[in-house]
C-alpha atoms as a PDB file:
ATOM      1  CA  MET A   1      92.408  63.921  96.089  1.00  0.00           C
ATOM      2  CA  ARG A   2      96.043  65.078  95.903  1.00  0.00           C
ATOM      3  CA  HIS A   3      98.373  65.994  98.795  1.00  0.00           C
ATOM      4  CA  ALA A   4      99.181  69.670  99.640  1.00  0.00           C
ATOM      5  CA  ARG A   5     102.185  71.142 101.562  1.00  0.00           C
ATOM      6  CA  ILE A   6     103.784  74.443 102.152  1.00  0.00           C
ATOM      7  CA  HIS A   7     107.014  74.575  99.903  1.00  0.00           C
ATOM      8  CA  GLY A   8     108.535  77.745 100.960  1.00  0.00           C
ATOM      9  CA  VAL A   9     107.760  80.521 103.760  1.00  0.00           C
ATOM     10  CA  GLY A  10     109.172  84.274 103.414  1.00  0.00           C
ATOM     11  CA  GLY A  11     108.773  87.133 105.538  1.00  0.00           C
ATOM     12  CA  TYR A  12     109.144  91.109 105.537  1.00  0.00           C
ATOM     13  CA  ARG A  13     109.405  93.388 108.688  1.00  0.00           C
ATOM     14  CA  PRO A  14     109.850  97.406 107.767  1.00  0.00           C
ATOM     15  CA  GLU A  15     112.882  99.137 108.872  1.00  0.00           C
ATOM     16  CA  ARG A  16     111.464 101.525 111.673  1.00  0.00           C
ATOM     17  CA  VAL A  17     111.558 100.196 115.096  1.00  0.00           C
ATOM     18  CA  VAL A  18     109.249 101.984 117.340  1.00  0.00           C
ATOM     19  CA  THR A  19     110.045 101.578 121.295  1.00  0.00           C
ATOM     20  CA  ASN A  20     107.659 101.551 124.116  1.00  0.00           C
ATOM     21  CA  GLU A  21     108.969 105.026 125.007  1.00  0.00           C
ATOM     22  CA  GLU A  22     107.844 106.233 121.874  1.00  0.00           C
ATOM     23  CA  ILE A  23     104.553 105.136 122.234  1.00  0.00           C
ATOM     24  CA  ILE A  24     104.246 106.314 125.883  1.00  0.00           C
ATOM     25  CA  GLN A  25     104.598 109.765 124.767  1.00  0.00           C
ATOM     26  CA  PHE A  26     101.068 109.817 123.783  1.00  0.00           C
ATOM     27  CA  ILE A  27      99.511 107.869 126.422  1.00  0.00           C
ATOM     28  CA  ASP A  28      99.378 107.432 129.900  1.00  0.00           C
ATOM     29  CA  SER A  29     101.665 104.232 130.731  1.00  0.00           C
ATOM     30  CA  SER A  30     105.340 103.193 130.782  1.00  0.00           C
ATOM     31  CA  ASP A  31     107.675 100.774 129.277  1.00  0.00           C
ATOM     32  CA  GLU A  32     107.363  98.477 132.174  1.00  0.00           C
ATOM     33  CA  TRP A  33     103.491  98.285 132.102  1.00  0.00           C
ATOM     34  CA  ILE A  34     103.491  97.434 128.368  1.00  0.00           C
ATOM     35  CA  ARG A  35     105.861  94.724 128.965  1.00  0.00           C
ATOM     36  CA  GLN A  36     104.223  93.148 131.857  1.00  0.00           C
ATOM     37  CA  ARG A  37     100.764  93.398 130.148  1.00  0.00           C
ATOM     38  CA  SER A  38     101.820  92.479 126.594  1.00  0.00           C
ATOM     39  CA  GLY A  39     105.260  91.223 126.467  1.00  0.00           C
ATOM     40  CA  ILE A  40     106.121  93.695 123.867  1.00  0.00           C
ATOM     41  CA  ALA A  41     109.220  95.620 123.889  1.00  0.00           C
ATOM     42  CA  THR A  42     109.456  97.094 120.256  1.00  0.00           C
ATOM     43  CA  ARG A  43     107.342  96.918 117.119  1.00  0.00           C
ATOM     44  CA  ARG A  44     108.002  97.628 113.288  1.00  0.00           C
ATOM     45  CA  TRP A  45     106.061 100.362 111.457  1.00  0.00           C
ATOM     46  CA  ALA A  46     106.050 100.802 107.759  1.00  0.00           C
ATOM     47  CA  ARG A  47     107.182 104.100 106.087  1.00  0.00           C
ATOM     48  CA  GLU A  48     104.117 106.254 104.909  1.00  0.00           C
ATOM     49  CA  ASP A  49     104.775 105.645 101.656  1.00  0.00           C
ATOM     50  CA  GLU A  50     105.212 101.892 102.059  1.00  0.00           C
ATOM     51  CA  THR A  51     101.902 100.114 101.077  1.00  0.00           C
ATOM     52  CA  VAL A  52     100.463  96.675 102.165  1.00  0.00           C
ATOM     53  CA  ILE A  53     101.284  95.482  98.636  1.00  0.00           C
ATOM     54  CA  ASP A  54     105.046  96.565  98.758  1.00  0.00           C
ATOM     55  CA  MET A  55     105.247  94.642 102.177  1.00  0.00           C
ATOM     56  CA  ALA A  56     103.550  91.783 100.808  1.00  0.00           C
ATOM     57  CA  GLU A  57     105.466  91.695  97.516  1.00  0.00           C
ATOM     58  CA  ALA A  58     108.821  91.701  99.738  1.00  0.00           C
ATOM     59  CA  ALA A  59     107.498  88.483 101.442  1.00  0.00           C
ATOM     60  CA  SER A  60     106.176  86.778  98.328  1.00  0.00           C
ATOM     61  CA  ARG A  61     109.291  87.318  96.305  1.00  0.00           C
ATOM     62  CA  GLN A  62     111.351  85.145  99.164  1.00  0.00           C
ATOM     63  CA  ALA A  63     108.532  82.855  99.638  1.00  0.00           C
ATOM     64  CA  MET A  64     108.683  81.817  95.738  1.00  0.00           C
ATOM     65  CA  GLU A  65     112.125  81.636  95.729  1.00  0.00           C
ATOM     66  CA  ARG A  66     112.599  79.563  98.569  1.00  0.00           C
ATOM     67  CA  ALA A  67     109.854  77.058  97.084  1.00  0.00           C
ATOM     68  CA  GLY A  68     111.533  77.172  93.791  1.00  0.00           C
ATOM     69  CA  VAL A  69     108.281  78.063  92.194  1.00  0.00           C
ATOM     70  CA  ALA A  70     108.176  80.424  89.292  1.00  0.00           C
ATOM     71  CA  PRO A  71     105.516  83.122  88.640  1.00  0.00           C
ATOM     72  CA  ASP A  72     103.786  81.327  85.927  1.00  0.00           C
ATOM     73  CA  GLN A  73     103.285  78.215  87.842  1.00  0.00           C
ATOM     74  CA  ILE A  74     101.191  80.288  90.392  1.00  0.00           C
ATOM     75  CA  GLY A  75      97.424  79.834  90.250  1.00  0.00           C
ATOM     76  CA  VAL A  76      96.032  81.509  92.647  1.00  0.00           C
ATOM     77  CA  VAL A  77      96.941  84.643  94.978  1.00  0.00           C
ATOM     78  CA  ILE A  78      94.980  84.873  98.560  1.00  0.00           C
ATOM     79  CA  MET A  79      95.725  88.149 100.477  1.00  0.00           C
ATOM     80  CA  ALA A  80      94.608  88.219 104.005  1.00  0.00           C
ATOM     81  CA  THR A  81      94.296  91.589 105.205  1.00  0.00           C
ATOM     82  CA  VAL A  82      92.144  93.953 107.176  1.00  0.00           C
ATOM     83  CA  SER A  83      94.593  96.996 106.477  1.00  0.00           C
ATOM     84  CA  HIS A  84      94.489  97.600 102.732  1.00  0.00           C
ATOM     85  CA  PRO A  85      92.862 101.094 102.790  1.00  0.00           C
ATOM     86  CA  PHE A  86      90.833 100.222  99.754  1.00  0.00           C
ATOM     87  CA  GLN A  87      87.036  98.989  99.897  1.00  0.00           C
ATOM     88  CA  THR A  88      88.129  98.215  96.172  1.00  0.00           C
ATOM     89  CA  PRO A  89      89.959  97.054  94.293  1.00  0.00           C
ATOM     90  CA  ALA A  90      91.556  94.423  96.156  1.00  0.00           C
ATOM     91  CA  ALA A  91      95.158  94.015  96.786  1.00  0.00           C
ATOM     92  CA  ALA A  92      95.593  90.404  95.657  1.00  0.00           C
ATOM     93  CA  PRO A  93      95.327  91.211  91.725  1.00  0.00           C
ATOM     94  CA  GLN A  94      97.812  94.052  91.919  1.00  0.00           C
ATOM     95  CA  LEU A  95     100.285  91.916  93.976  1.00  0.00           C
ATOM     96  CA  ALA A  96      99.972  89.208  91.434  1.00  0.00           C
ATOM     97  CA  HIS A  97     100.772  92.031  88.598  1.00  0.00           C
ATOM     98  CA  ARG A  98     103.828  93.135  90.195  1.00  0.00           C
ATOM     99  CA  MET A  99     105.264  89.350  90.645  1.00  0.00           C
ATOM    100  CA  GLY A 100     104.413  88.737  87.159  1.00  0.00           C
ATOM    101  CA  ILE A 101     102.126  86.027  87.501  1.00  0.00           C
ATOM    102  CA  PRO A 102      99.958  85.684  84.594  1.00  0.00           C
ATOM    103  CA  SER A 103      96.111  85.913  85.125  1.00  0.00           C
ATOM    104  CA  PRO A 104      95.657  84.074  88.371  1.00  0.00           C
ATOM    105  CA  ALA A 105      92.441  84.018  90.482  1.00  0.00           C
ATOM    106  CA  ALA A 106      93.192  86.830  93.061  1.00  0.00           C
ATOM    107  CA  PHE A 107      91.306  87.930  96.118  1.00  0.00           C
ATOM    108  CA  ASP A 108      91.841  89.147  99.424  1.00  0.00           C
ATOM    109  CA  ILE A 109      90.053  87.850 102.448  1.00  0.00           C
ATOM    110  CA  SER A 110      89.198  89.580 105.552  1.00  0.00           C
ATOM    111  CA  ALA A 111      89.399  87.472 108.832  1.00  0.00           C
ATOM    112  CA  ALA A 112      91.651  89.580 111.145  1.00  0.00           C
ATOM    113  CA  CYS A 113      94.474  87.608 112.674  1.00  0.00           C
ATOM    114  CA  ALA A 114      93.084  84.351 111.941  1.00  0.00           C
ATOM    115  CA  GLY A 115      93.166  85.393 108.185  1.00  0.00           C
ATOM    116  CA  TYR A 116      96.235  83.461 107.643  1.00  0.00           C
ATOM    117  CA  CYS A 117      94.989  80.342 108.736  1.00  0.00           C
ATOM    118  CA  HIS A 118      91.776  80.746 106.762  1.00  0.00           C
ATOM    119  CA  ALA A 119      93.976  81.421 103.550  1.00  0.00           C
ATOM    120  CA  VAL A 120      96.253  78.435 104.373  1.00  0.00           C
ATOM    121  CA  SER A 121      92.877  76.159 104.262  1.00  0.00           C
ATOM    122  CA  LEU A 122      91.321  77.630 101.429  1.00  0.00           C
ATOM    123  CA  ALA A 123      94.862  77.012  99.599  1.00  0.00           C
ATOM    124  CA  ASN A 124      95.177  73.507 100.833  1.00  0.00           C
ATOM    125  CA  ASP A 125      91.617  72.573  99.522  1.00  0.00           C
ATOM    126  CA  MET A 126      92.293  74.384  95.850  1.00  0.00           C
ATOM    127  CA  VAL A 127      95.531  72.503  95.613  1.00  0.00           C
ATOM    128  CA  ARG A 128      93.936  68.942  96.755  1.00  0.00           C
ATOM    129  CA  VAL A 129      91.154  69.209  94.312  1.00  0.00           C
ATOM    130  CA  GLY A 130      93.041  70.266  91.482  1.00  0.00           C
ATOM    131  CA  THR A 131      91.613  73.855  91.181  1.00  0.00           C
ATOM    132  CA  ALA A 132      95.586  74.769  91.076  1.00  0.00           C
ATOM    133  CA  ASP A 133      98.860  73.461  91.413  1.00  0.00           C
ATOM    134  CA  TYR A 134     100.224  76.489  93.445  1.00  0.00           C
ATOM    135  CA  VAL A 135      98.625  78.856  95.817  1.00  0.00           C
ATOM    136  CA  LEU A 136     100.403  81.993  96.740  1.00  0.00           C
ATOM    137  CA  VAL A 137      99.394  82.986 100.306  1.00  0.00           C
ATOM    138  CA  VAL A 138     100.141  86.141 102.063  1.00  0.00           C
ATOM    139  CA  GLY A 139      99.143  87.351 105.407  1.00  0.00           C
ATOM    140  CA  VAL A 140      99.968  91.450 105.432  1.00  0.00           C
ATOM    141  CA  GLU A 141      99.066  94.268 107.228  1.00  0.00           C
ATOM    142  CA  LYS A 142      99.685  97.965 108.165  1.00  0.00           C
ATOM    143  CA  LEU A 143      97.971  98.244 111.336  1.00  0.00           C
ATOM    144  CA  SER A 144     100.060 101.600 111.941  1.00  0.00           C
ATOM    145  CA  ASP A 145      97.418 103.622 109.412  1.00  0.00           C
ATOM    146  CA  PHE A 146      94.608 102.201 111.852  1.00  0.00           C
ATOM    147  CA  THR A 147      96.033 102.964 115.414  1.00  0.00           C
ATOM    148  CA  ASP A 148      94.820 105.754 117.327  1.00  0.00           C
ATOM    149  CA  LYS A 149      98.184 106.501 119.211  1.00  0.00           C
ATOM    150  CA  HIS A 150      95.886 108.230 122.024  1.00  0.00           C
ATOM    151  CA  ASP A 151      94.088 105.232 122.843  1.00  0.00           C
ATOM    152  CA  ARG A 152      95.650 103.569 125.768  1.00  0.00           C
ATOM    153  CA  GLY A 153      94.337  99.967 125.183  1.00  0.00           C
ATOM    154  CA  SER A 154      95.702  99.560 121.618  1.00  0.00           C
ATOM    155  CA  ALA A 155      98.264 102.130 120.926  1.00  0.00           C
ATOM    156  CA  PHE A 156     101.092 100.045 122.213  1.00  0.00           C
ATOM    157  CA  ILE A 157      99.834  96.525 120.564  1.00  0.00           C
ATOM    158  CA  PHE A 158      99.906  96.786 116.567  1.00  0.00           C
ATOM    159  CA  GLY A 159     102.634  96.481 114.172  1.00  0.00           C
ATOM    160  CA  ASP A 160     103.276  96.217 110.595  1.00  0.00           C
ATOM    161  CA  GLY A 161     104.590  93.384 108.545  1.00  0.00           C
ATOM    162  CA  ALA A 162     104.296  90.547 105.948  1.00  0.00           C
ATOM    163  CA  GLY A 163     104.420  86.827 105.887  1.00  0.00           C
ATOM    164  CA  ALA A 164     103.957  84.444 102.509  1.00  0.00           C
ATOM    165  CA  ALA A 165     103.832  81.153 101.739  1.00  0.00           C
ATOM    166  CA  VAL A 166     103.940  79.013  98.654  1.00  0.00           C
ATOM    167  CA  ILE A 167     101.269  76.095  98.728  1.00  0.00           C
ATOM    168  CA  GLY A 168     101.450  73.233  96.132  1.00  0.00           C
ATOM    169  CA  VAL A 169     100.984  69.828  95.057  1.00  0.00           C
ATOM    170  CA  SER A 170     102.764  67.237  97.632  1.00  0.00           C
ATOM    171  CA  ASP A 171     103.630  63.382  97.579  1.00  0.00           C
ATOM    172  CA  PHE A 172     102.747  63.446 101.160  1.00  0.00           C
ATOM    173  CA  PRO A 173      99.913  65.260 103.204  1.00  0.00           C
ATOM    174  CA  GLY A 174     101.531  68.392 104.704  1.00  0.00           C
ATOM    175  CA  ILE A 175      98.492  70.356 105.998  1.00  0.00           C
ATOM    176  CA  GLY A 176      96.135  68.918 108.450  1.00  0.00           C
ATOM    177  CA  PRO A 177      92.528  69.463 109.268  1.00  0.00           C
ATOM    178  CA  THR A 178      91.198  72.929 109.921  1.00  0.00           C
ATOM    179  CA  LEU A 179      89.372  73.729 112.934  1.00  0.00           C
ATOM    180  CA  TRP A 180      87.767  76.946 112.679  1.00  0.00           C
ATOM    181  CA  GLY A 181      84.934  79.064 113.495  1.00  0.00           C
ATOM    182  CA  SER A 182      83.194  82.385 114.636  1.00  0.00           C
ATOM    183  CA  LEU A 183      80.926  84.447 117.384  1.00  0.00           C
ATOM    184  CA  GLY A 184      79.584  87.062 115.652  1.00  0.00           C
ATOM    185  CA  ASP A 185      77.723  88.260 118.855  1.00  0.00           C
ATOM    186  CA  GLN A 186      81.148  89.355 119.940  1.00  0.00           C
ATOM    187  CA  ALA A 187      81.918  91.467 117.187  1.00  0.00           C
ATOM    188  CA  ASP A 188      82.381  94.789 119.220  1.00  0.00           C
ATOM    189  CA  VAL A 189      85.042  93.054 121.437  1.00  0.00           C
ATOM    190  CA  ILE A 190      87.659  94.149 118.331  1.00  0.00           C
ATOM    191  CA  THR A 191      86.261  96.578 115.916  1.00  0.00           C
ATOM    192  CA  GLN A 192      86.753  99.507 113.619  1.00  0.00           C
ATOM    193  CA  ARG A 193      85.753 102.633 115.899  1.00  0.00           C
ATOM    194  CA  GLU A 194      83.278 104.155 113.399  1.00  0.00           C
ATOM    195  CA  SER A 195      82.117 103.108 109.713  1.00  0.00           C
ATOM    196  CA  TRP A 196      82.810 104.575 106.520  1.00  0.00           C
ATOM    197  CA  THR A 197      79.397 105.428 106.035  1.00  0.00           C
ATOM    198  CA  ASP A 198      78.728 107.021 109.718  1.00  0.00           C
ATOM    199  CA  LEU A 199      81.687 109.135 109.100  1.00  0.00           C
ATOM    200  CA  ARG A 200      80.825 110.338 105.512  1.00  0.00           C
ATOM    201  CA  PRO A 201      78.738 113.249 106.744  1.00  0.00           C
ATOM    202  CA  THR A 202      81.417 114.745 108.910  1.00  0.00           C
ATOM    203  CA  MET A 203      83.912 114.186 106.247  1.00  0.00           C
ATOM    204  CA  GLU A 204      82.168 115.872 103.672  1.00  0.00           C
ATOM    205  CA  ASP A 205      81.154 119.036 105.965  1.00  0.00           C
ATOM    206  CA  ALA A 206      84.708 119.271 107.318  1.00  0.00           C
ATOM    207  CA  GLY A 207      86.962 122.010 105.563  1.00  0.00           C
ATOM    208  CA  ARG A 208      90.054 121.378 103.349  1.00  0.00           C
ATOM    209  CA  THR A 209      92.133 122.193 106.617  1.00  0.00           C
ATOM    210  CA  GLU A 210      90.083 120.796 109.262  1.00  0.00           C
ATOM    211  CA  ALA A 211      90.934 117.452 110.984  1.00  0.00           C
ATOM    212  CA  VAL A 212      88.134 114.744 110.697  1.00  0.00           C
ATOM    213  CA  PRO A 213      87.875 111.604 112.561  1.00  0.00           C
ATOM    214  CA  TRP A 214      89.650 108.427 111.640  1.00  0.00           C
ATOM    215  CA  PRO A 215      88.039 104.913 112.089  1.00  0.00           C
ATOM    216  CA  ALA A 216      91.008 103.201 113.901  1.00  0.00           C
ATOM    217  CA  PHE A 217      90.694  99.774 115.407  1.00  0.00           C
ATOM    218  CA  VAL A 218      89.884  99.429 119.131  1.00  0.00           C
ATOM    219  CA  MET A 219      89.724  96.349 121.236  1.00  0.00           C
ATOM    220  CA  GLN A 220      88.592  95.308 124.936  1.00  0.00           C
ATOM    221  CA  GLY A 221      91.707  94.036 125.952  1.00  0.00           C
ATOM    222  CA  GLN A 222      90.347  91.841 129.025  1.00  0.00           C
ATOM    223  CA  THR A 223      87.461  90.421 127.040  1.00  0.00           C
ATOM    224  CA  VAL A 224      89.755  89.276 124.256  1.00  0.00           C
ATOM    225  CA  PHE A 225      92.433  87.834 126.959  1.00  0.00           C
ATOM    226  CA  ARG A 226      89.685  85.960 128.639  1.00  0.00           C
ATOM    227  CA  TRP A 227      88.553  84.571 125.297  1.00  0.00           C
ATOM    228  CA  ALA A 228      91.816  83.431 124.005  1.00  0.00           C
ATOM    229  CA  VAL A 229      93.119  82.058 127.300  1.00  0.00           C
ATOM    230  CA  PHE A 230      90.073  79.882 128.073  1.00  0.00           C
ATOM    231  CA  SER A 231      88.514  78.850 124.458  1.00  0.00           C
ATOM    232  CA  MET A 232      91.516  78.897 121.996  1.00  0.00           C
ATOM    233  CA  ALA A 233      93.442  76.572 124.363  1.00  0.00           C
ATOM    234  CA  PRO A 234      90.846  73.734 123.657  1.00  0.00           C
ATOM    235  CA  VAL A 235      90.934  74.558 120.040  1.00  0.00           C
ATOM    236  CA  ALA A 236      94.691  74.055 119.737  1.00  0.00           C
ATOM    237  CA  LEU A 237      94.340  70.826 121.356  1.00  0.00           C
ATOM    238  CA  GLU A 238      91.506  69.638 119.334  1.00  0.00           C
ATOM    239  CA  THR A 239      93.414  70.780 116.279  1.00  0.00           C
ATOM    240  CA  VAL A 240      96.319  68.070 117.233  1.00  0.00           C
ATOM    241  CA  LYS A 241      94.078  65.609 117.845  1.00  0.00           C
ATOM    242  CA  ALA A 242      92.691  66.142 114.334  1.00  0.00           C
ATOM    243  CA  ALA A 243      95.926  65.825 113.077  1.00  0.00           C
ATOM    244  CA  GLY A 244      96.258  62.430 114.725  1.00  0.00           C
ATOM    245  CA  ILE A 245      99.190  63.228 116.739  1.00  0.00           C
ATOM    246  CA  THR A 246      99.797  64.492 120.220  1.00  0.00           C
ATOM    247  CA  PRO A 247     101.502  67.766 121.607  1.00  0.00           C
ATOM    248  CA  ASP A 248     104.953  65.522 122.204  1.00  0.00           C
ATOM    249  CA  ASP A 249     104.997  65.031 118.258  1.00  0.00           C
ATOM    250  CA  LEU A 250     105.034  68.834 117.475  1.00  0.00           C
ATOM    251  CA  ASP A 251     108.341  70.343 116.282  1.00  0.00           C
ATOM    252  CA  ALA A 252     107.038  74.107 116.902  1.00  0.00           C
ATOM    253  CA  PHE A 253     104.030  75.943 118.315  1.00  0.00           C
ATOM    254  CA  VAL A 254     103.401  78.964 116.179  1.00  0.00           C
ATOM    255  CA  PRO A 255     100.469  80.852 117.773  1.00  0.00           C
ATOM    256  CA  HIS A 256      99.054  84.324 116.652  1.00  0.00           C
ATOM    257  CA  GLN A 257     101.271  87.074 118.142  1.00  0.00           C
ATOM    258  CA  ALA A 258      98.652  88.759 120.327  1.00  0.00           C
ATOM    259  CA  ASN A 259     100.036  88.802 123.828  1.00  0.00           C
ATOM    260  CA  MET A 260     102.729  86.789 125.626  1.00  0.00           C
ATOM    261  CA  ARG A 261     100.639  85.733 128.427  1.00  0.00           C
ATOM    262  CA  ILE A 262      98.147  84.489 126.036  1.00  0.00           C
ATOM    263  CA  THR A 263     100.855  82.254 124.459  1.00  0.00           C
ATOM    264  CA  ASP A 264     101.792  81.327 128.130  1.00  0.00           C
ATOM    265  CA  ALA A 265      98.534  80.027 129.028  1.00  0.00           C
ATOM    266  CA  MET A 266      97.923  78.086 125.794  1.00  0.00           C
ATOM    267  CA  ILE A 267     101.228  76.440 126.332  1.00  0.00           C
ATOM    268  CA  LYS A 268     100.155  75.467 129.695  1.00  0.00           C
ATOM    269  CA  ALA A 269      96.796  74.113 128.754  1.00  0.00           C
ATOM    270  CA  LEU A 270      98.421  71.961 125.797  1.00  0.00           C
ATOM    271  CA  LYS A 271     100.939  70.784 128.224  1.00  0.00           C
ATOM    272  CA  LEU A 272     103.456  71.542 125.823  1.00  0.00           C
ATOM    273  CA  PRO A 273     106.699  69.522 126.366  1.00  0.00           C
ATOM    274  CA  GLU A 274     109.548  71.840 126.999  1.00  0.00           C
ATOM    275  CA  HIS A 275     111.422  70.579 123.968  1.00  0.00           C
ATOM    276  CA  VAL A 276     108.729  72.437 121.768  1.00  0.00           C
ATOM    277  CA  PRO A 277     109.875  75.710 120.213  1.00  0.00           C
ATOM    278  CA  VAL A 278     107.493  78.380 120.586  1.00  0.00           C
ATOM    279  CA  ALA A 279     107.368  81.794 118.644  1.00  0.00           C
ATOM    280  CA  ARG A 280     107.482  84.736 120.903  1.00  0.00           C
ATOM    281  CA  ASP A 281     108.206  87.319 117.986  1.00  0.00           C
ATOM    282  CA  ILE A 282     105.653  89.704 119.589  1.00  0.00           C
ATOM    283  CA  ALA A 283     108.463  91.059 121.852  1.00  0.00           C
ATOM    284  CA  GLU A 284     110.315  92.753 118.707  1.00  0.00           C
ATOM    285  CA  THR A 285     107.145  92.763 116.241  1.00  0.00           C
ATOM    286  CA  GLY A 286     104.068  93.543 118.116  1.00  0.00           C
ATOM    287  CA  ASN A 287     100.750  92.418 116.988  1.00  0.00           C
ATOM    288  CA  THR A 288     100.964  92.055 113.016  1.00  0.00           C
ATOM    289  CA  SER A 289      97.386  90.538 112.931  1.00  0.00           C
ATOM    290  CA  ALA A 290      97.222  88.185 109.612  1.00  0.00           C
ATOM    291  CA  ALA A 291     101.031  88.549 108.962  1.00  0.00           C
ATOM    292  CA  SER A 292     101.943  87.189 112.471  1.00  0.00           C
ATOM    293  CA  ILE A 293     102.091  83.373 111.857  1.00  0.00           C
ATOM    294  CA  PRO A 294     103.982  83.423 108.631  1.00  0.00           C
ATOM    295  CA  LEU A 295     106.653  85.953 110.084  1.00  0.00           C
ATOM    296  CA  ALA A 296     107.198  84.047 112.940  1.00  0.00           C
ATOM    297  CA  MET A 297     107.430  80.905 111.251  1.00  0.00           C
ATOM    298  CA  SER A 298     109.918  82.081 108.516  1.00  0.00           C
ATOM    299  CA  ARG A 299     112.120  83.430 111.417  1.00  0.00           C
ATOM    300  CA  MET A 300     112.031  80.299 113.510  1.00  0.00           C
ATOM    301  CA  LEU A 301     113.328  78.408 110.109  1.00  0.00           C
ATOM    302  CA  ASP A 302     115.960  81.073 109.127  1.00  0.00           C
ATOM    303  CA  GLU A 303     117.476  80.777 112.918  1.00  0.00           C
ATOM    304  CA  GLY A 304     117.351  77.201 112.929  1.00  0.00           C
ATOM    305  CA  GLU A 305     115.011  77.323 115.978  1.00  0.00           C
ATOM    306  CA  ALA A 306     112.410  75.229 114.186  1.00  0.00           C
ATOM    307  CA  PRO A 307     113.558  72.126 111.960  1.00  0.00           C
ATOM    308  CA  SER A 308     112.759  71.928 108.233  1.00  0.00           C
ATOM    309  CA  GLY A 309     110.242  69.080 107.902  1.00  0.00           C
ATOM    310  CA  GLY A 310     108.878  69.213 111.205  1.00  0.00           C
ATOM    311  CA  LEU A 311     105.350  69.445 112.263  1.00  0.00           C
ATOM    312  CA  ALA A 312     104.024  73.108 113.590  1.00  0.00           C
ATOM    313  CA  LEU A 313     100.866  73.759 115.198  1.00  0.00           C
ATOM    314  CA  GLN A 314      99.699  77.094 113.940  1.00  0.00           C
ATOM    315  CA  ILE A 315      96.224  79.113 115.404  1.00  0.00           C
ATOM    316  CA  GLY A 316      95.219  82.519 114.688  1.00  0.00           C
ATOM    317  CA  PHE A 317      92.234  84.143 116.501  1.00  0.00           C
ATOM    318  CA  GLY A 318      91.176  87.608 116.540  1.00  0.00           C
ATOM    319  CA  ALA A 319      88.457  90.293 115.484  1.00  0.00           C
ATOM    320  CA  GLY A 320      85.051  88.886 114.511  1.00  0.00           C
ATOM    321  CA  LEU A 321      85.426  86.877 116.690  1.00  0.00           C
ATOM    322  CA  VAL A 322      87.119  84.290 114.349  1.00  0.00           C
ATOM    323  CA  TYR A 323      89.742  81.748 114.774  1.00  0.00           C
ATOM    324  CA  ALA A 324      91.366  79.081 112.670  1.00  0.00           C
ATOM    325  CA  ALA A 325      94.121  76.663 113.293  1.00  0.00           C
ATOM    326  CA  GLN A 326      96.068  73.446 111.745  1.00  0.00           C
ATOM    327  CA  VAL A 327      99.135  71.542 111.974  1.00  0.00           C
ATOM    328  CA  VAL A 328     101.618  71.890 109.225  1.00  0.00           C
ATOM    329  CA  VAL A 329     104.704  70.413 107.939  1.00  0.00           C
ATOM    330  CA  MET A 330     107.221  73.411 107.824  1.00  0.00           C
ATOM    331  CA  PRO A 331     109.049  73.594 104.620  1.00  0.00           C
END
């Protein structure tokens, strides 16, 4: 089979910066508590008229330009998101149309914060077996649309943004084996509060001027923290081993930006050398779910924090519960 690698990455952060001071107007909390519990100081929220497709387009154009790949070379578009507000049609075909990509396979996947790593694995397999020469992978979220600003357990966590990568044919292996899995019995740990069908009677009975419930995302913070710390660190270590390297060989660690304390615990479990840079974008972007890993990698490369051509361990984990991780060569 052929080899595949990431040829270029791009990112997009909305202009609006939302501080902890703004968040605590609606919840019983403080800037100090939020920083201590999550590491978050600010997050970005999209404009009301800004969609996941708008943000995905900005990140995708940057990734394709950096990869030197034209629209007619892209054979597949995969969008990882849980915040596109339509059950159907998917966002990926609309993104492909905007990008001028002629008649690609295009579809969305729902794997929450692990969605980008899932999509990278799918793209890698497609390129290696010859299904496509180049695949556009996008992780994008507008979680501000699904955040209950009055929910003390989640209102301060989520942000908006998009990250993209172009994965294509390579003369060397640039994407290692993916370790992934799920725990469906833990579905209630991170979930949408109500299903659309449960809300339908209320929405139909409500008058045009009455407020109706909105199915925001909620989570059991302590349960998620324990799972991520005690279960994801071993997955990260096994992923490094599966790539045939050790943590000493890494040039960057790009975990999903869920919580600064989770990142610190994973670093300790991996016994990661001090010289390996670690993404800590959550401090300024919040948790952007499927967008967090490509956003962080794009920034690290732009700022020279991580070296082009270096090895990076990336791992995503979240609602499902689901997870996925792989070692990649950075573009």
